[in-house]
Amino acid sequence: MLILTRKQGEAFLLGEDIEISIAEINGDRVRIAINAPKDVKILRKELKDAGELNKESAISVSSEETLFNITNLTEKFKEKNKKTT
């Protein structure tokens, strides 16, 4: 991990075409300006983490629902077979 110290108005580059500059410092908050090509995806980490957590939850719920549905179908199939025999 690289840690940089920058003052308001200073910037640094990531590669050749991404510039990150310190736009404003106000107390414990820092406003960062990012100049990058349109094809570069920029996403706050907490949003990415929340999205991954939601995806994991959806997969888990989906798996539980699938298991529940399979169990119900199996029971219904057994009941139907008992009635026909």
PDB file of N, CA and C in Angstrom:
ATOM      1  N   MET A   1       0.845  -1.174   0.000  1.00  0.00           N
ATOM      2  CA  MET A   1       0.000   0.000   0.000  1.00  0.00           C
ATOM      3  C   MET A   1       0.892   1.240   0.000  1.00  0.00           C
ATOM      4  N   LEU A   2       0.558   2.168  -0.839  1.00  0.00           N
ATOM      5  CA  LEU A   2       1.280   3.445  -0.911  1.00  0.00           C
ATOM      6  C   LEU A   2       0.474   4.496  -0.156  1.00  0.00           C
ATOM      7  N   ILE A   3       1.123   5.227   0.726  1.00  0.00           N
ATOM      8  CA  ILE A   3       0.461   6.305   1.459  1.00  0.00           C
ATOM      9  C   ILE A   3       1.129   7.612   1.059  1.00  0.00           C
ATOM     10  N   LEU A   4       0.319   8.556   0.577  1.00  0.00           N
ATOM     11  CA  LEU A   4       0.817   9.856   0.149  1.00  0.00           C
ATOM     12  C   LEU A   4       0.278  10.951   1.059  1.00  0.00           C
ATOM     13  N   THR A   5       1.030  12.004   1.190  1.00  0.00           N
ATOM     14  CA  THR A   5       0.571  13.200   1.878  1.00  0.00           C
ATOM     15  C   THR A   5       0.419  14.289   0.836  1.00  0.00           C
ATOM     16  N   ARG A   6      -0.755  14.862   0.746  1.00  0.00           N
ATOM     17  CA  ARG A   6      -1.040  15.923  -0.224  1.00  0.00           C
ATOM     18  C   ARG A   6      -1.740  17.062   0.483  1.00  0.00           C
ATOM     19  N   LYS A   7      -1.519  18.272   0.018  1.00  0.00           N
ATOM     20  CA  LYS A   7      -2.208  19.448   0.519  1.00  0.00           C
ATOM     21  C   LYS A   7      -3.323  19.798  -0.458  1.00  0.00           C
ATOM     22  N   GLN A   8      -4.222  20.660   0.001  1.00  0.00           N
ATOM     23  CA  GLN A   8      -5.305  21.109  -0.873  1.00  0.00           C
ATOM     24  C   GLN A   8      -4.720  21.708  -2.150  1.00  0.00           C
ATOM     25  N   GLY A   9      -5.259  21.309  -3.293  1.00  0.00           N
ATOM     26  CA  GLY A   9      -4.786  21.797  -4.581  1.00  0.00           C
ATOM     27  C   GLY A   9      -3.699  20.934  -5.205  1.00  0.00           C
ATOM     28  N   GLU A  10      -3.108  20.033  -4.434  1.00  0.00           N
ATOM     29  CA  GLU A  10      -2.092  19.139  -4.976  1.00  0.00           C
ATOM     30  C   GLU A  10      -2.751  17.892  -5.563  1.00  0.00           C
ATOM     31  N   ALA A  11      -2.007  17.210  -6.431  1.00  0.00           N
ATOM     32  CA  ALA A  11      -2.560  16.046  -7.122  1.00  0.00           C
ATOM     33  C   ALA A  11      -1.507  14.968  -7.274  1.00  0.00           C
ATOM     34  N   PHE A  12      -1.953  13.807  -7.723  1.00  0.00           N
ATOM     35  CA  PHE A  12      -1.040  12.730  -8.113  1.00  0.00           C
ATOM     36  C   PHE A  12      -1.689  11.960  -9.259  1.00  0.00           C
ATOM     37  N   LEU A  13      -0.863  11.208  -9.962  1.00  0.00           N
ATOM     38  CA  LEU A  13      -1.323  10.470 -11.131  1.00  0.00           C
ATOM     39  C   LEU A  13      -1.320   8.971 -10.853  1.00  0.00           C
ATOM     40  N   LEU A  14      -2.317   8.298 -11.422  1.00  0.00           N
ATOM     41  CA  LEU A  14      -2.345   6.838 -11.457  1.00  0.00           C
ATOM     42  C   LEU A  14      -2.187   6.468 -12.922  1.00  0.00           C
ATOM     43  N   GLY A  15      -1.080   5.875 -13.250  1.00  0.00           N
ATOM     44  CA  GLY A  15      -0.808   5.588 -14.654  1.00  0.00           C
ATOM     45  C   GLY A  15      -0.629   6.879 -15.423  1.00  0.00           C
ATOM     46  N   GLU A  16      -0.959   6.827 -16.699  1.00  0.00           N
ATOM     47  CA  GLU A  16      -0.779   7.990 -17.583  1.00  0.00           C
ATOM     48  C   GLU A  16      -1.995   8.900 -17.631  1.00  0.00           C
ATOM     49  N   ASP A  17      -3.201   8.345 -17.353  1.00  0.00           N
ATOM     50  CA  ASP A  17      -4.404   9.109 -17.679  1.00  0.00           C
ATOM     51  C   ASP A  17      -5.400   9.290 -16.539  1.00  0.00           C
ATOM     52  N   ILE A  18      -5.024   9.007 -15.313  1.00  0.00           N
ATOM     53  CA  ILE A  18      -5.912   9.237 -14.172  1.00  0.00           C
ATOM     54  C   ILE A  18      -5.232  10.195 -13.205  1.00  0.00           C
ATOM     55  N   GLU A  19      -5.880  11.331 -12.976  1.00  0.00           N
ATOM     56  CA  GLU A  19      -5.350  12.340 -12.047  1.00  0.00           C
ATOM     57  C   GLU A  19      -6.289  12.454 -10.859  1.00  0.00           C
ATOM     58  N   ILE A  20      -5.714  12.387  -9.673  1.00  0.00           N
ATOM     59  CA  ILE A  20      -6.482  12.540  -8.445  1.00  0.00           C
ATOM     60  C   ILE A  20      -5.931  13.757  -7.714  1.00  0.00           C
ATOM     61  N   SER A  21      -6.831  14.695  -7.439  1.00  0.00           N
ATOM     62  CA  SER A  21      -6.384  15.919  -6.760  1.00  0.00           C
ATOM     63  C   SER A  21      -7.235  16.168  -5.515  1.00  0.00           C
ATOM     64  N   ILE A  22      -6.638  16.855  -4.560  1.00  0.00           N
ATOM     65  CA  ILE A  22      -7.322  17.216  -3.327  1.00  0.00           C
ATOM     66  C   ILE A  22      -8.026  18.542  -3.581  1.00  0.00           C
ATOM     67  N   ALA A  23      -9.350  18.486  -3.671  1.00  0.00           N
ATOM     68  CA  ALA A  23     -10.127  19.676  -4.002  1.00  0.00           C
ATOM     69  C   ALA A  23     -10.351  20.562  -2.777  1.00  0.00           C
ATOM     70  N   GLU A  24     -10.603  19.937  -1.635  1.00  0.00           N
ATOM     71  CA  GLU A  24     -10.925  20.727  -0.440  1.00  0.00           C
ATOM     72  C   GLU A  24     -10.678  19.899   0.811  1.00  0.00           C
ATOM     73  N   ILE A  25     -10.203  20.541   1.843  1.00  0.00           N
ATOM     74  CA  ILE A  25     -10.061  19.915   3.154  1.00  0.00           C
ATOM     75  C   ILE A  25     -10.853  20.755   4.132  1.00  0.00           C
ATOM     76  N   ASN A  26     -11.797  20.104   4.825  1.00  0.00           N
ATOM     77  CA  ASN A  26     -12.652  20.821   5.763  1.00  0.00           C
ATOM     78  C   ASN A  26     -12.797  19.956   7.015  1.00  0.00           C
ATOM     79  N   GLY A  27     -12.020  20.255   8.042  1.00  0.00           N
ATOM     80  CA  GLY A  27     -12.046  19.452   9.264  1.00  0.00           C
ATOM     81  C   GLY A  27     -11.511  18.059   8.981  1.00  0.00           C
ATOM     82  N   ASP A  28     -12.336  17.051   9.277  1.00  0.00           N
ATOM     83  CA  ASP A  28     -11.899  15.675   9.045  1.00  0.00           C
ATOM     84  C   ASP A  28     -12.400  15.118   7.710  1.00  0.00           C
ATOM     85  N   ARG A  29     -12.898  15.995   6.835  1.00  0.00           N
ATOM     86  CA  ARG A  29     -13.400  15.571   5.530  1.00  0.00           C
ATOM     87  C   ARG A  29     -12.520  16.106   4.407  1.00  0.00           C
ATOM     88  N   VAL A  30     -12.303  15.270   3.419  1.00  0.00           N
ATOM     89  CA  VAL A  30     -11.480  15.635   2.271  1.00  0.00           C
ATOM     90  C   VAL A  30     -12.313  15.427   1.014  1.00  0.00           C
ATOM     91  N   ARG A  31     -12.375  16.435   0.160  1.00  0.00           N
ATOM     92  CA  ARG A  31     -13.043  16.286  -1.140  1.00  0.00           C
ATOM     93  C   ARG A  31     -11.965  15.986  -2.164  1.00  0.00           C
ATOM     94  N   ILE A  32     -12.172  14.904  -2.888  1.00  0.00           N
ATOM     95  CA  ILE A  32     -11.197  14.434  -3.871  1.00  0.00           C
ATOM     96  C   ILE A  32     -11.802  14.587  -5.261  1.00  0.00           C
ATOM     97  N   ALA A  33     -11.021  15.126  -6.186  1.00  0.00           N
ATOM     98  CA  ALA A  33     -11.446  15.247  -7.585  1.00  0.00           C
ATOM     99  C   ALA A  33     -10.696  14.196  -8.395  1.00  0.00           C
ATOM    100  N   ILE A  34     -11.429  13.464  -9.225  1.00  0.00           N
ATOM    101  CA  ILE A  34     -10.825  12.409 -10.043  1.00  0.00           C
ATOM    102  C   ILE A  34     -11.076  12.723 -11.502  1.00  0.00           C
ATOM    103  N   ASN A  35     -10.007  12.829 -12.252  1.00  0.00           N
ATOM    104  CA  ASN A  35     -10.102  13.049 -13.689  1.00  0.00           C
ATOM    105  C   ASN A  35      -9.606  11.774 -14.359  1.00  0.00           C
ATOM    106  N   ALA A  36     -10.557  11.031 -14.978  1.00  0.00           N
ATOM    107  CA  ALA A  36     -10.220   9.739 -15.575  1.00  0.00           C
ATOM    108  C   ALA A  36     -11.024   9.555 -16.857  1.00  0.00           C
ATOM    109  N   PRO A  37     -10.555   8.697 -17.744  1.00  0.00           N
ATOM    110  CA  PRO A  37     -11.318   8.400 -18.953  1.00  0.00           C
ATOM    111  C   PRO A  37     -12.696   7.833 -18.595  1.00  0.00           C
ATOM    112  N   LYS A  38     -13.652   8.018 -19.479  1.00  0.00           N
ATOM    113  CA  LYS A  38     -15.028   7.584 -19.214  1.00  0.00           C
ATOM    114  C   LYS A  38     -15.150   6.079 -19.029  1.00  0.00           C
ATOM    115  N   ASP A  39     -14.246   5.308 -19.610  1.00  0.00           N
ATOM    116  CA  ASP A  39     -14.341   3.851 -19.489  1.00  0.00           C
ATOM    117  C   ASP A  39     -13.794   3.320 -18.162  1.00  0.00           C
ATOM    118  N   VAL A  40     -13.247   4.193 -17.320  1.00  0.00           N
ATOM    119  CA  VAL A  40     -12.744   3.781 -16.011  1.00  0.00           C
ATOM    120  C   VAL A  40     -13.894   3.853 -15.013  1.00  0.00           C
ATOM    121  N   LYS A  41     -14.201   2.711 -14.404  1.00  0.00           N
ATOM    122  CA  LYS A  41     -15.275   2.638 -13.425  1.00  0.00           C
ATOM    123  C   LYS A  41     -14.770   3.162 -12.084  1.00  0.00           C
ATOM    124  N   ILE A  42     -15.494   4.122 -11.516  1.00  0.00           N
ATOM    125  CA  ILE A  42     -15.130   4.689 -10.217  1.00  0.00           C
ATOM    126  C   ILE A  42     -16.306   4.445  -9.284  1.00  0.00           C
ATOM    127  N   LEU A  43     -16.055   3.736  -8.182  1.00  0.00           N
ATOM    128  CA  LEU A  43     -17.111   3.369  -7.255  1.00  0.00           C
ATOM    129  C   LEU A  43     -16.586   3.461  -5.835  1.00  0.00           C
ATOM    130  N   ARG A  44     -17.382   4.071  -4.955  1.00  0.00           N
ATOM    131  CA  ARG A  44     -16.977   4.129  -3.543  1.00  0.00           C
ATOM    132  C   ARG A  44     -16.923   2.708  -2.987  1.00  0.00           C
ATOM    133  N   LYS A  45     -15.913   2.436  -2.184  1.00  0.00           N
ATOM    134  CA  LYS A  45     -15.697   1.086  -1.669  1.00  0.00           C
ATOM    135  C   LYS A  45     -16.886   0.582  -0.863  1.00  0.00           C
ATOM    136  N   GLU A  46     -17.505   1.434  -0.059  1.00  0.00           N
ATOM    137  CA  GLU A  46     -18.624   0.970   0.759  1.00  0.00           C
ATOM    138  C   GLU A  46     -19.810   0.538  -0.106  1.00  0.00           C
ATOM    139  N   LEU A  47     -19.962   1.148  -1.273  1.00  0.00           N
ATOM    140  CA  LEU A  47     -21.025   0.727  -2.187  1.00  0.00           C
ATOM    141  C   LEU A  47     -20.699  -0.629  -2.806  1.00  0.00           C
ATOM    142  N   LYS A  48     -19.445  -0.825  -3.156  1.00  0.00           N
ATOM    143  CA  LYS A  48     -19.020  -2.113  -3.703  1.00  0.00           C
ATOM    144  C   LYS A  48     -19.202  -3.214  -2.662  1.00  0.00           C
ATOM    145  N   ASP A  49     -18.788  -2.943  -1.418  1.00  0.00           N
ATOM    146  CA  ASP A  49     -18.933  -3.921  -0.336  1.00  0.00           C
ATOM    147  C   ASP A  49     -20.404  -4.251  -0.090  1.00  0.00           C
ATOM    148  N   ALA A  50     -21.259  -3.222  -0.087  1.00  0.00           N
ATOM    149  CA  ALA A  50     -22.694  -3.447   0.124  1.00  0.00           C
ATOM    150  C   ALA A  50     -23.276  -4.269  -1.016  1.00  0.00           C
ATOM    151  N   GLY A  51     -22.848  -3.989  -2.235  1.00  0.00           N
ATOM    152  CA  GLY A  51     -23.328  -4.749  -3.385  1.00  0.00           C
ATOM    153  C   GLY A  51     -22.922  -6.205  -3.301  1.00  0.00           C
ATOM    154  N   GLU A  52     -21.699  -6.469  -2.887  1.00  0.00           N
ATOM    155  CA  GLU A  52     -21.230  -7.847  -2.737  1.00  0.00           C
ATOM    156  C   GLU A  52     -21.992  -8.567  -1.630  1.00  0.00           C
ATOM    157  N   LEU A  53     -22.268  -7.856  -0.534  1.00  0.00           N
ATOM    158  CA  LEU A  53     -23.022  -8.454   0.564  1.00  0.00           C
ATOM    159  C   LEU A  53     -24.444  -8.780   0.111  1.00  0.00           C
ATOM    160  N   ASN A  54     -25.065  -7.859  -0.639  1.00  0.00           N
ATOM    161  CA  ASN A  54     -26.409  -8.102  -1.155  1.00  0.00           C
ATOM    162  C   ASN A  54     -26.415  -9.284  -2.110  1.00  0.00           C
ATOM    163  N   LYS A  55     -25.392  -9.387  -2.937  1.00  0.00           N
ATOM    164  CA  LYS A  55     -25.303 -10.495  -3.889  1.00  0.00           C
ATOM    165  C   LYS A  55     -25.183 -11.818  -3.138  1.00  0.00           C
ATOM    166  N   GLU A  56     -24.333 -11.854  -2.110  1.00  0.00           N
ATOM    167  CA  GLU A  56     -24.171 -13.066  -1.307  1.00  0.00           C
ATOM    168  C   GLU A  56     -25.484 -13.434  -0.621  1.00  0.00           C
ATOM    169  N   SER A  57     -26.201 -12.424  -0.105  1.00  0.00           N
ATOM    170  CA  SER A  57     -27.483 -12.677   0.555  1.00  0.00           C
ATOM    171  C   SER A  57     -28.497 -13.227  -0.434  1.00  0.00           C
ATOM    172  N   ALA A  58     -28.524 -12.646  -1.635  1.00  0.00           N
ATOM    173  CA  ALA A  58     -29.470 -13.104  -2.649  1.00  0.00           C
ATOM    174  C   ALA A  58     -29.170 -14.539  -3.049  1.00  0.00           C
ATOM    175  N   ILE A  59     -27.904 -14.876  -3.185  1.00  0.00           N
ATOM    176  CA  ILE A  59     -27.524 -16.245  -3.536  1.00  0.00           C
ATOM    177  C   ILE A  59     -27.929 -17.194  -2.415  1.00  0.00           C
ATOM    178  N   SER A  60     -27.684 -16.796  -1.173  1.00  0.00           N
ATOM    179  CA  SER A  60     -28.024 -17.624  -0.023  1.00  0.00           C
ATOM    180  C   SER A  60     -29.533 -17.837   0.051  1.00  0.00           C
ATOM    181  N   VAL A  61     -30.311 -16.758  -0.085  1.00  0.00           N
ATOM    182  CA  VAL A  61     -31.766 -16.861  -0.039  1.00  0.00           C
ATOM    183  C   VAL A  61     -32.253 -17.716  -1.198  1.00  0.00           C
ATOM    184  N   SER A  62     -31.700 -17.487  -2.364  1.00  0.00           N
ATOM    185  CA  SER A  62     -32.093 -18.259  -3.527  1.00  0.00           C
ATOM    186  C   SER A  62     -31.822 -19.741  -3.310  1.00  0.00           C
ATOM    187  N   SER A  63     -30.680 -20.079  -2.737  1.00  0.00           N
ATOM    188  CA  SER A  63     -30.342 -21.475  -2.467  1.00  0.00           C
ATOM    189  C   SER A  63     -31.299 -22.072  -1.456  1.00  0.00           C
ATOM    190  N   GLU A  64     -31.621 -21.311  -0.415  1.00  0.00           N
ATOM    191  CA  GLU A  64     -32.554 -21.800   0.601  1.00  0.00           C
ATOM    192  C   GLU A  64     -33.941 -21.987  -0.003  1.00  0.00           C
ATOM    193  N   GLU A  65     -34.379 -21.042  -0.847  1.00  0.00           N
ATOM    194  CA  GLU A  65     -35.684 -21.163  -1.494  1.00  0.00           C
ATOM    195  C   GLU A  65     -35.721 -22.371  -2.418  1.00  0.00           C
ATOM    196  N   THR A  66     -34.637 -22.582  -3.152  1.00  0.00           N
ATOM    197  CA  THR A  66     -34.564 -23.727  -4.060  1.00  0.00           C
ATOM    198  C   THR A  66     -34.657 -25.020  -3.272  1.00  0.00           C
ATOM    199  N   LEU A  67     -33.917 -25.119  -2.173  1.00  0.00           N
ATOM    200  CA  LEU A  67     -33.961 -26.311  -1.336  1.00  0.00           C
ATOM    201  C   LEU A  67     -35.364 -26.517  -0.781  1.00  0.00           C
ATOM    202  N   PHE A  68     -36.003 -25.442  -0.327  1.00  0.00           N
ATOM    203  CA  PHE A  68     -37.371 -25.515   0.195  1.00  0.00           C
ATOM    204  C   PHE A  68     -38.323 -25.999  -0.888  1.00  0.00           C
ATOM    205  N   ASN A  69     -38.209 -25.454  -2.099  1.00  0.00           N
ATOM    206  CA  ASN A  69     -39.076 -25.853  -3.204  1.00  0.00           C
ATOM    207  C   ASN A  69     -38.865 -27.309  -3.587  1.00  0.00           C
ATOM    208  N   ILE A  70     -37.620 -27.749  -3.614  1.00  0.00           N
ATOM    209  CA  ILE A  70     -37.325 -29.150  -3.938  1.00  0.00           C
ATOM    210  C   ILE A  70     -37.930 -30.061  -2.879  1.00  0.00           C
ATOM    211  N   THR A  71     -37.781 -29.691  -1.621  1.00  0.00           N
ATOM    212  CA  THR A  71     -38.346 -30.488  -0.535  1.00  0.00           C
ATOM    213  C   THR A  71     -39.862 -30.559  -0.669  1.00  0.00           C
ATOM    214  N   ASN A  72     -40.512 -29.432  -0.933  1.00  0.00           N
ATOM    215  CA  ASN A  72     -41.964 -29.418  -1.101  1.00  0.00           C
ATOM    216  C   ASN A  72     -42.398 -30.266  -2.285  1.00  0.00           C
ATOM    217  N   LEU A  73     -41.695 -30.168  -3.395  1.00  0.00           N
ATOM    218  CA  LEU A  73     -42.034 -30.973  -4.565  1.00  0.00           C
ATOM    219  C   LEU A  73     -41.889 -32.459  -4.279  1.00  0.00           C
ATOM    220  N   THR A  74     -40.842 -32.809  -3.560  1.00  0.00           N
ATOM    221  CA  THR A  74     -40.623 -34.206  -3.202  1.00  0.00           C
ATOM    222  C   THR A  74     -41.778 -34.723  -2.350  1.00  0.00           C
ATOM    223  N   GLU A  75     -42.183 -33.927  -1.364  1.00  0.00           N
ATOM    224  CA  GLU A  75     -43.300 -34.319  -0.493  1.00  0.00           C
ATOM    225  C   GLU A  75     -44.594 -34.458  -1.300  1.00  0.00           C
ATOM    226  N   LYS A  76     -44.861 -33.507  -2.184  1.00  0.00           N
ATOM    227  CA  LYS A  76     -46.073 -33.563  -3.011  1.00  0.00           C
ATOM    228  C   LYS A  76     -46.048 -34.785  -3.923  1.00  0.00           C
ATOM    229  N   PHE A  77     -44.885 -35.102  -4.464  1.00  0.00           N
ATOM    230  CA  PHE A  77     -44.742 -36.262  -5.335  1.00  0.00           C
ATOM    231  C   PHE A  77     -45.031 -37.548  -4.548  1.00  0.00           C
ATOM    232  N   LYS A  78     -44.499 -37.622  -3.317  1.00  0.00           N
ATOM    233  CA  LYS A  78     -44.730 -38.789  -2.470  1.00  0.00           C
ATOM    234  C   LYS A  78     -46.215 -38.934  -2.152  1.00  0.00           C
ATOM    235  N   GLU A  79     -46.872 -37.811  -1.816  1.00  0.00           N
ATOM    236  CA  GLU A  79     -48.307 -37.838  -1.508  1.00  0.00           C
ATOM    237  C   GLU A  79     -49.113 -38.278  -2.722  1.00  0.00           C
ATOM    238  N   LYS A  80     -48.769 -37.774  -3.877  1.00  0.00           N
ATOM    239  CA  LYS A  80     -49.490 -38.131  -5.112  1.00  0.00           C
ATOM    240  C   LYS A  80     -49.331 -39.614  -5.403  1.00  0.00           C
ATOM    241  N   ASN A  81     -48.117 -40.132  -5.227  1.00  0.00           N
ATOM    242  CA  ASN A  81     -47.862 -41.560  -5.462  1.00  0.00           C
ATOM    243  C   ASN A  81     -48.628 -42.435  -4.466  1.00  0.00           C
ATOM    244  N   LYS A  82     -48.784 -41.992  -3.221  1.00  0.00           N
ATOM    245  CA  LYS A  82     -49.537 -42.752  -2.226  1.00  0.00           C
ATOM    246  C   LYS A  82     -51.004 -42.841  -2.641  1.00  0.00           C
ATOM    247  N   LYS A  83     -51.556 -41.753  -3.175  1.00  0.00           N
ATOM    248  CA  LYS A  83     -52.960 -41.716  -3.578  1.00  0.00           C
ATOM    249  C   LYS A  83     -53.233 -42.598  -4.772  1.00  0.00           C
ATOM    250  N   THR A  84     -52.289 -42.699  -5.695  1.00  0.00           N
ATOM    251  CA  THR A  84     -52.479 -43.480  -6.926  1.00  0.00           C
ATOM    252  C   THR A  84     -52.162 -44.956  -6.735  1.00  0.00           C
ATOM    253  N   THR A  85     -51.560 -45.328  -5.613  1.00  0.00           N
ATOM    254  CA  THR A  85     -51.230 -46.739  -5.396  1.00  0.00           C
ATOM    255  C   THR A  85     -52.126 -47.378  -4.407  1.00  0.00           C
TER     256      THR A  85
END
